[in-house]
PDB file of N, CA and C in Angstrom:
ATOM      1  N   MET A   1     115.197  74.462 -43.781  1.00  0.00           N
ATOM      2  CA  MET A   1     114.340  75.047 -44.809  1.00  0.00           C
ATOM      3  C   MET A   1     114.219  76.557 -44.562  1.00  0.00           C
ATOM      4  N   THR A   2     114.116  77.279 -45.631  1.00  0.00           N
ATOM      5  CA  THR A   2     113.988  78.723 -45.541  1.00  0.00           C
ATOM      6  C   THR A   2     112.515  79.095 -45.542  1.00  0.00           C
ATOM      7  N   ASP A   3     112.087  79.810 -44.500  1.00  0.00           N
ATOM      8  CA  ASP A   3     110.688  80.217 -44.450  1.00  0.00           C
ATOM      9  C   ASP A   3     110.550  81.691 -44.832  1.00  0.00           C
ATOM     10  N   ARG A   4     109.317  82.142 -44.989  1.00  0.00           N
ATOM     11  CA  ARG A   4     109.069  83.496 -45.461  1.00  0.00           C
ATOM     12  C   ARG A   4     109.638  84.542 -44.507  1.00  0.00           C
ATOM     13  N   ALA A   5     109.532  84.314 -43.212  1.00  0.00           N
ATOM     14  CA  ALA A   5     110.041  85.287 -42.244  1.00  0.00           C
ATOM     15  C   ALA A   5     111.552  85.473 -42.387  1.00  0.00           C
ATOM     16  N   THR A   6     112.257  84.384 -42.609  1.00  0.00           N
ATOM     17  CA  THR A   6     113.708  84.444 -42.812  1.00  0.00           C
ATOM     18  C   THR A   6     114.034  85.170 -44.110  1.00  0.00           C
ATOM     19  N   ILE A   7     113.285  84.856 -45.162  1.00  0.00           N
ATOM     20  CA  ILE A   7     113.494  85.503 -46.457  1.00  0.00           C
ATOM     21  C   ILE A   7     113.216  86.995 -46.350  1.00  0.00           C
ATOM     22  N   TYR A   8     112.114  87.355 -45.701  1.00  0.00           N
ATOM     23  CA  TYR A   8     111.756  88.770 -45.526  1.00  0.00           C
ATOM     24  C   TYR A   8     112.870  89.514 -44.779  1.00  0.00           C
ATOM     25  N   ALA A   9     113.367  88.921 -43.703  1.00  0.00           N
ATOM     26  CA  ALA A   9     114.425  89.566 -42.914  1.00  0.00           C
ATOM     27  C   ALA A   9     115.684  89.768 -43.756  1.00  0.00           C
ATOM     28  N   ARG A  10     116.015  88.798 -44.578  1.00  0.00           N
ATOM     29  CA  ARG A  10     117.209  88.927 -45.429  1.00  0.00           C
ATOM     30  C   ARG A  10     116.997  89.971 -46.523  1.00  0.00           C
ATOM     31  N   ILE A  11     115.788  90.055 -47.072  1.00  0.00           N
ATOM     32  CA  ILE A  11     115.490  91.085 -48.063  1.00  0.00           C
ATOM     33  C   ILE A  11     115.667  92.470 -47.440  1.00  0.00           C
ATOM     34  N   ILE A  12     115.209  92.632 -46.212  1.00  0.00           N
ATOM     35  CA  ILE A  12     115.400  93.911 -45.505  1.00  0.00           C
ATOM     36  C   ILE A  12     116.894  94.220 -45.407  1.00  0.00           C
ATOM     37  N   ASP A  13     117.706  93.210 -45.069  1.00  0.00           N
ATOM     38  CA  ASP A  13     119.162  93.397 -44.992  1.00  0.00           C
ATOM     39  C   ASP A  13     119.742  93.832 -46.335  1.00  0.00           C
ATOM     40  N   LEU A  14     119.229  93.259 -47.429  1.00  0.00           N
ATOM     41  CA  LEU A  14     119.733  93.594 -48.757  1.00  0.00           C
ATOM     42  C   LEU A  14     119.312  95.004 -49.183  1.00  0.00           C
ATOM     43  N   ILE A  15     118.169  95.457 -48.702  1.00  0.00           N
ATOM     44  CA  ILE A  15     117.663  96.788 -49.065  1.00  0.00           C
ATOM     45  C   ILE A  15     118.360  97.896 -48.286  1.00  0.00           C
ATOM     46  N   GLU A  16     118.739  97.629 -47.046  1.00  0.00           N
ATOM     47  CA  GLU A  16     119.306  98.672 -46.171  1.00  0.00           C
ATOM     48  C   GLU A  16     120.382  99.536 -46.838  1.00  0.00           C
ATOM     49  N   PRO A  17     121.378  98.948 -47.525  1.00  0.00           N
ATOM     50  CA  PRO A  17     122.403  99.797 -48.141  1.00  0.00           C
ATOM     51  C   PRO A  17     121.855 100.659 -49.286  1.00  0.00           C
ATOM     52  N   LEU A  18     120.685 100.306 -49.796  1.00  0.00           N
ATOM     53  CA  LEU A  18     120.065 101.045 -50.903  1.00  0.00           C
ATOM     54  C   LEU A  18     119.019 102.039 -50.397  1.00  0.00           C
ATOM     55  N   ASN A  19     119.036 102.285 -49.099  1.00  0.00           N
ATOM     56  CA  ASN A  19     118.041 103.129 -48.443  1.00  0.00           C
ATOM     57  C   ASN A  19     118.730 104.293 -47.728  1.00  0.00           C
ATOM     58  N   PRO A  20     119.364 105.199 -48.489  1.00  0.00           N
ATOM     59  CA  PRO A  20     120.133 106.269 -47.852  1.00  0.00           C
ATOM     60  C   PRO A  20     119.291 107.262 -47.049  1.00  0.00           C
ATOM     61  N   LYS A  21     118.000 107.360 -47.362  1.00  0.00           N
ATOM     62  CA  LYS A  21     117.135 108.290 -46.632  1.00  0.00           C
ATOM     63  C   LYS A  21     116.610 107.697 -45.333  1.00  0.00           C
ATOM     64  N   GLY A  22     116.879 106.421 -45.106  1.00  0.00           N
ATOM     65  CA  GLY A  22     116.453 105.782 -43.865  1.00  0.00           C
ATOM     66  C   GLY A  22     114.951 105.599 -43.759  1.00  0.00           C
ATOM     67  N   VAL A  23     114.299 105.354 -44.890  1.00  0.00           N
ATOM     68  CA  VAL A  23     112.855 105.115 -44.894  1.00  0.00           C
ATOM     69  C   VAL A  23     112.570 103.857 -44.080  1.00  0.00           C
ATOM     70  N   ALA A  24     111.508 103.904 -43.265  1.00  0.00           N
ATOM     71  CA  ALA A  24     111.117 102.731 -42.484  1.00  0.00           C
ATOM     72  C   ALA A  24     110.723 101.609 -43.438  1.00  0.00           C
ATOM     73  N   LEU A  25     111.325 100.444 -43.262  1.00  0.00           N
ATOM     74  CA  LEU A  25     111.070  99.310 -44.153  1.00  0.00           C
ATOM     75  C   LEU A  25     110.019  98.394 -43.538  1.00  0.00           C
ATOM     76  N   THR A  26     108.877  98.304 -44.209  1.00  0.00           N
ATOM     77  CA  THR A  26     107.775  97.445 -43.764  1.00  0.00           C
ATOM     78  C   THR A  26     107.298  96.608 -44.941  1.00  0.00           C
ATOM     79  N   GLU A  27     106.347  95.741 -44.682  1.00  0.00           N
ATOM     80  CA  GLU A  27     105.752  94.923 -45.745  1.00  0.00           C
ATOM     81  C   GLU A  27     105.180  95.802 -46.859  1.00  0.00           C
ATOM     82  N   ALA A  28     104.659  96.977 -46.495  1.00  0.00           N
ATOM     83  CA  ALA A  28     103.961  97.844 -47.453  1.00  0.00           C
ATOM     84  C   ALA A  28     104.863  98.894 -48.104  1.00  0.00           C
ATOM     85  N   THR A  29     106.140  98.931 -47.736  1.00  0.00           N
ATOM     86  CA  THR A  29     107.055  99.917 -48.322  1.00  0.00           C
ATOM     87  C   THR A  29     107.199  99.645 -49.815  1.00  0.00           C
ATOM     88  N   THR A  30     107.020 100.698 -50.632  1.00  0.00           N
ATOM     89  CA  THR A  30     107.138 100.539 -52.080  1.00  0.00           C
ATOM     90  C   THR A  30     108.529 100.954 -52.542  1.00  0.00           C
ATOM     91  N   PHE A  31     108.978 100.301 -53.597  1.00  0.00           N
ATOM     92  CA  PHE A  31     110.322 100.582 -54.120  1.00  0.00           C
ATOM     93  C   PHE A  31     110.358 101.910 -54.862  1.00  0.00           C
ATOM     94  N   ALA A  32     109.396 102.156 -55.730  1.00  0.00           N
ATOM     95  CA  ALA A  32     109.394 103.393 -56.526  1.00  0.00           C
ATOM     96  C   ALA A  32     108.939 104.584 -55.688  1.00  0.00           C
ATOM     97  N   GLY A  33     107.855 104.427 -54.956  1.00  0.00           N
ATOM     98  CA  GLY A  33     107.286 105.552 -54.218  1.00  0.00           C
ATOM     99  C   GLY A  33     108.031 105.891 -52.943  1.00  0.00           C
ATOM    100  N   ASP A  34     108.132 104.940 -52.036  1.00  0.00           N
ATOM    101  CA  ASP A  34     108.737 105.196 -50.719  1.00  0.00           C
ATOM    102  C   ASP A  34     110.258 105.279 -50.777  1.00  0.00           C
ATOM    103  N   LEU A  35     110.875 104.308 -51.440  1.00  0.00           N
ATOM    104  CA  LEU A  35     112.335 104.248 -51.472  1.00  0.00           C
ATOM    105  C   LEU A  35     112.938 105.040 -52.629  1.00  0.00           C
ATOM    106  N   GLU A  36     112.081 105.457 -53.577  1.00  0.00           N
ATOM    107  CA  GLU A  36     112.515 106.241 -54.738  1.00  0.00           C
ATOM    108  C   GLU A  36     113.655 105.549 -55.499  1.00  0.00           C
ATOM    109  N   MET A  37     113.535 104.232 -55.650  1.00  0.00           N
ATOM    110  CA  MET A  37     114.554 103.471 -56.378  1.00  0.00           C
ATOM    111  C   MET A  37     114.334 103.617 -57.879  1.00  0.00           C
ATOM    112  N   ASP A  38     115.420 103.809 -58.602  1.00  0.00           N
ATOM    113  CA  ASP A  38     115.315 103.812 -60.063  1.00  0.00           C
ATOM    114  C   ASP A  38     115.450 102.369 -60.555  1.00  0.00           C
ATOM    115  N   SER A  39     115.238 102.173 -61.845  1.00  0.00           N
ATOM    116  CA  SER A  39     115.222 100.808 -62.383  1.00  0.00           C
ATOM    117  C   SER A  39     116.570 100.104 -62.232  1.00  0.00           C
ATOM    118  N   LEU A  40     117.652 100.839 -62.329  1.00  0.00           N
ATOM    119  CA  LEU A  40     118.976 100.220 -62.183  1.00  0.00           C
ATOM    120  C   LEU A  40     119.180  99.707 -60.757  1.00  0.00           C
ATOM    121  N   THR A  41     118.764 100.492 -59.778  1.00  0.00           N
ATOM    122  CA  THR A  41     118.882 100.076 -58.379  1.00  0.00           C
ATOM    123  C   THR A  41     118.020  98.845 -58.114  1.00  0.00           C
ATOM    124  N   VAL A  42     116.820  98.843 -58.678  1.00  0.00           N
ATOM    125  CA  VAL A  42     115.935  97.692 -58.510  1.00  0.00           C
ATOM    126  C   VAL A  42     116.577  96.445 -59.115  1.00  0.00           C
ATOM    127  N   MET A  43     117.179  96.586 -60.288  1.00  0.00           N
ATOM    128  CA  MET A  43     117.816  95.430 -60.919  1.00  0.00           C
ATOM    129  C   MET A  43     119.018  94.951 -60.108  1.00  0.00           C
ATOM    130  N   ASP A  44     119.752  95.863 -59.482  1.00  0.00           N
ATOM    131  CA  ASP A  44     120.847  95.468 -58.587  1.00  0.00           C
ATOM    132  C   ASP A  44     120.307  94.653 -57.410  1.00  0.00           C
ATOM    133  N   LEU A  45     119.182  95.100 -56.865  1.00  0.00           N
ATOM    134  CA  LEU A  45     118.558  94.387 -55.753  1.00  0.00           C
ATOM    135  C   LEU A  45     118.090  93.000 -56.208  1.00  0.00           C
ATOM    136  N   VAL A  46     117.478  92.936 -57.386  1.00  0.00           N
ATOM    137  CA  VAL A  46     117.027  91.647 -57.921  1.00  0.00           C
ATOM    138  C   VAL A  46     118.220  90.708 -58.090  1.00  0.00           C
ATOM    139  N   ALA A  47     119.315  91.219 -58.636  1.00  0.00           N
ATOM    140  CA  ALA A  47     120.517  90.397 -58.812  1.00  0.00           C
ATOM    141  C   ALA A  47     121.030  89.887 -57.467  1.00  0.00           C
ATOM    142  N   SER A  48     120.995  90.733 -56.453  1.00  0.00           N
ATOM    143  CA  SER A  48     121.436  90.321 -55.114  1.00  0.00           C
ATOM    144  C   SER A  48     120.555  89.196 -54.568  1.00  0.00           C
ATOM    145  N   MET A  49     119.242  89.332 -54.773  1.00  0.00           N
ATOM    146  CA  MET A  49     118.327  88.294 -54.288  1.00  0.00           C
ATOM    147  C   MET A  49     118.505  86.996 -55.065  1.00  0.00           C
ATOM    148  N   GLU A  50     118.722  87.104 -56.363  1.00  0.00           N
ATOM    149  CA  GLU A  50     118.947  85.895 -57.162  1.00  0.00           C
ATOM    150  C   GLU A  50     120.217  85.179 -56.708  1.00  0.00           C
ATOM    151  N   ASP A  51     121.258  85.936 -56.431  1.00  0.00           N
ATOM    152  CA  ASP A  51     122.508  85.342 -55.938  1.00  0.00           C
ATOM    153  C   ASP A  51     122.327  84.731 -54.555  1.00  0.00           C
ATOM    154  N   GLU A  52     121.611  85.447 -53.696  1.00  0.00           N
ATOM    155  CA  GLU A  52     121.410  85.009 -52.311  1.00  0.00           C
ATOM    156  C   GLU A  52     120.725  83.642 -52.239  1.00  0.00           C
ATOM    157  N   TRP A  53     119.698  83.434 -53.058  1.00  0.00           N
ATOM    158  CA  TRP A  53     118.914  82.203 -52.980  1.00  0.00           C
ATOM    159  C   TRP A  53     119.092  81.293 -54.190  1.00  0.00           C
ATOM    160  N   ASP A  54     119.997  81.635 -55.103  1.00  0.00           N
ATOM    161  CA  ASP A  54     120.240  80.829 -56.293  1.00  0.00           C
ATOM    162  C   ASP A  54     118.935  80.570 -57.054  1.00  0.00           C
ATOM    163  N   ILE A  55     118.241  81.661 -57.351  1.00  0.00           N
ATOM    164  CA  ILE A  55     116.979  81.606 -58.088  1.00  0.00           C
ATOM    165  C   ILE A  55     117.073  82.539 -59.290  1.00  0.00           C
ATOM    166  N   VAL A  56     116.084  82.444 -60.162  1.00  0.00           N
ATOM    167  CA  VAL A  56     115.936  83.390 -61.270  1.00  0.00           C
ATOM    168  C   VAL A  56     114.545  83.981 -61.162  1.00  0.00           C
ATOM    169  N   MET A  57     114.494  85.293 -61.018  1.00  0.00           N
ATOM    170  CA  MET A  57     113.196  85.966 -60.957  1.00  0.00           C
ATOM    171  C   MET A  57     112.798  86.351 -62.381  1.00  0.00           C
ATOM    172  N   PRO A  58     111.717  85.781 -62.895  1.00  0.00           N
ATOM    173  CA  PRO A  58     111.298  86.085 -64.260  1.00  0.00           C
ATOM    174  C   PRO A  58     111.032  87.588 -64.433  1.00  0.00           C
ATOM    175  N   LEU A  59     111.553  88.154 -65.512  1.00  0.00           N
ATOM    176  CA  LEU A  59     111.400  89.589 -65.746  1.00  0.00           C
ATOM    177  C   LEU A  59     109.942  90.001 -65.868  1.00  0.00           C
ATOM    178  N   ASN A  60     109.082  89.117 -66.370  1.00  0.00           N
ATOM    179  CA  ASN A  60     107.672  89.481 -66.491  1.00  0.00           C
ATOM    180  C   ASN A  60     106.974  89.550 -65.136  1.00  0.00           C
ATOM    181  N   MET A  61     107.607  89.021 -64.098  1.00  0.00           N
ATOM    182  CA  MET A  61     107.056  89.070 -62.749  1.00  0.00           C
ATOM    183  C   MET A  61     107.349  90.417 -62.073  1.00  0.00           C
ATOM    184  N   LEU A  62     108.455  91.035 -62.426  1.00  0.00           N
ATOM    185  CA  LEU A  62     108.940  92.212 -61.705  1.00  0.00           C
ATOM    186  C   LEU A  62     107.986  93.404 -61.692  1.00  0.00           C
ATOM    187  N   PRO A  63     107.309  93.754 -62.787  1.00  0.00           N
ATOM    188  CA  PRO A  63     106.424  94.917 -62.730  1.00  0.00           C
ATOM    189  C   PRO A  63     105.294  94.800 -61.702  1.00  0.00           C
ATOM    190  N   ASP A  64     104.926  93.574 -61.341  1.00  0.00           N
ATOM    191  CA  ASP A  64     103.845  93.365 -60.379  1.00  0.00           C
ATOM    192  C   ASP A  64     104.320  93.439 -58.932  1.00  0.00           C
ATOM    193  N   LEU A  65     105.619  93.509 -58.717  1.00  0.00           N
ATOM    194  CA  LEU A  65     106.175  93.515 -57.369  1.00  0.00           C
ATOM    195  C   LEU A  65     106.489  94.950 -56.956  1.00  0.00           C
ATOM    196  N   GLU A  66     105.551  95.565 -56.248  1.00  0.00           N
ATOM    197  CA  GLU A  66     105.702  96.970 -55.879  1.00  0.00           C
ATOM    198  C   GLU A  66     106.127  97.178 -54.432  1.00  0.00           C
ATOM    199  N   THR A  67     105.869  96.207 -53.568  1.00  0.00           N
ATOM    200  CA  THR A  67     106.180  96.367 -52.147  1.00  0.00           C
ATOM    201  C   THR A  67     107.161  95.290 -51.684  1.00  0.00           C
ATOM    202  N   ILE A  68     107.769  95.538 -50.530  1.00  0.00           N
ATOM    203  CA  ILE A  68     108.696  94.560 -49.962  1.00  0.00           C
ATOM    204  C   ILE A  68     107.963  93.250 -49.661  1.00  0.00           C
ATOM    205  N   GLY A  69     106.748  93.346 -49.166  1.00  0.00           N
ATOM    206  CA  GLY A  69     105.962  92.142 -48.872  1.00  0.00           C
ATOM    207  C   GLY A  69     105.705  91.310 -50.112  1.00  0.00           C
ATOM    208  N   GLN A  70     105.380  91.970 -51.241  1.00  0.00           N
ATOM    209  CA  GLN A  70     105.141  91.241 -52.489  1.00  0.00           C
ATOM    210  C   GLN A  70     106.416  90.547 -52.961  1.00  0.00           C
ATOM    211  N   VAL A  71     107.538  91.203 -52.801  1.00  0.00           N
ATOM    212  CA  VAL A  71     108.813  90.589 -53.189  1.00  0.00           C
ATOM    213  C   VAL A  71     109.117  89.390 -52.290  1.00  0.00           C
ATOM    214  N   ALA A  72     108.874  89.526 -50.997  1.00  0.00           N
ATOM    215  CA  ALA A  72     109.103  88.413 -50.072  1.00  0.00           C
ATOM    216  C   ALA A  72     108.233  87.212 -50.451  1.00  0.00           C
ATOM    217  N   ASP A  73     106.974  87.467 -50.815  1.00  0.00           N
ATOM    218  CA  ASP A  73     106.094  86.378 -51.238  1.00  0.00           C
ATOM    219  C   ASP A  73     106.623  85.709 -52.501  1.00  0.00           C
ATOM    220  N   ALA A  74     107.052  86.523 -53.479  1.00  0.00           N
ATOM    221  CA  ALA A  74     107.540  85.983 -54.745  1.00  0.00           C
ATOM    222  C   ALA A  74     108.806  85.148 -54.546  1.00  0.00           C
ATOM    223  N   VAL A  75     109.742  85.666 -53.757  1.00  0.00           N
ATOM    224  CA  VAL A  75     110.991  84.932 -53.507  1.00  0.00           C
ATOM    225  C   VAL A  75     110.679  83.635 -52.757  1.00  0.00           C
ATOM    226  N   THR A  76     109.785  83.699 -51.800  1.00  0.00           N
ATOM    227  CA  THR A  76     109.421  82.494 -51.041  1.00  0.00           C
ATOM    228  C   THR A  76     108.884  81.419 -51.976  1.00  0.00           C
ATOM    229  N   LYS A  77     108.018  81.813 -52.932  1.00  0.00           N
ATOM    230  CA  LYS A  77     107.470  80.846 -53.880  1.00  0.00           C
ATOM    231  C   LYS A  77     108.566  80.213 -54.738  1.00  0.00           C
ATOM    232  N   LEU A  78     109.566  81.003 -55.102  1.00  0.00           N
ATOM    233  CA  LEU A  78     110.654  80.488 -55.937  1.00  0.00           C
ATOM    234  C   LEU A  78     111.622  79.609 -55.145  1.00  0.00           C
ATOM    235  N   VAL A  79     111.805  79.930 -53.865  1.00  0.00           N
ATOM    236  CA  VAL A  79     112.765  79.190 -53.044  1.00  0.00           C
ATOM    237  C   VAL A  79     112.140  77.902 -52.498  1.00  0.00           C
ATOM    238  N   VAL A  80     110.910  77.989 -52.035  1.00  0.00           N
ATOM    239  CA  VAL A  80     110.236  76.844 -51.405  1.00  0.00           C
ATOM    240  C   VAL A  80     109.364  76.171 -52.442  1.00  0.00           C
ATOM    241  N   LYS A  81     109.980  75.278 -53.209  1.00  0.00           N
ATOM    242  CA  LYS A  81     109.243  74.568 -54.269  1.00  0.00           C
ATOM    243  C   LYS A  81     108.873  73.191 -53.825  1.00  0.00           C
TER     244      LYS A  81
END
């Protein structure tokens, strides 16, 4: 079974190539503010996560996901049903 810690660690792995400034990645790191990701980059990341866990992240959920921790929680809920 996939637990939240495993999911969080994999999300960090997926973000690393999209983090050219080397911002420290923590639960509280924000995509727009800290990582300065544009919407296209965020959608690429979402697609990677959907492929990784064979899930669909509802588009209406995405605006509420501002930090890595929030994304880890959301993915965990979708994966561990």
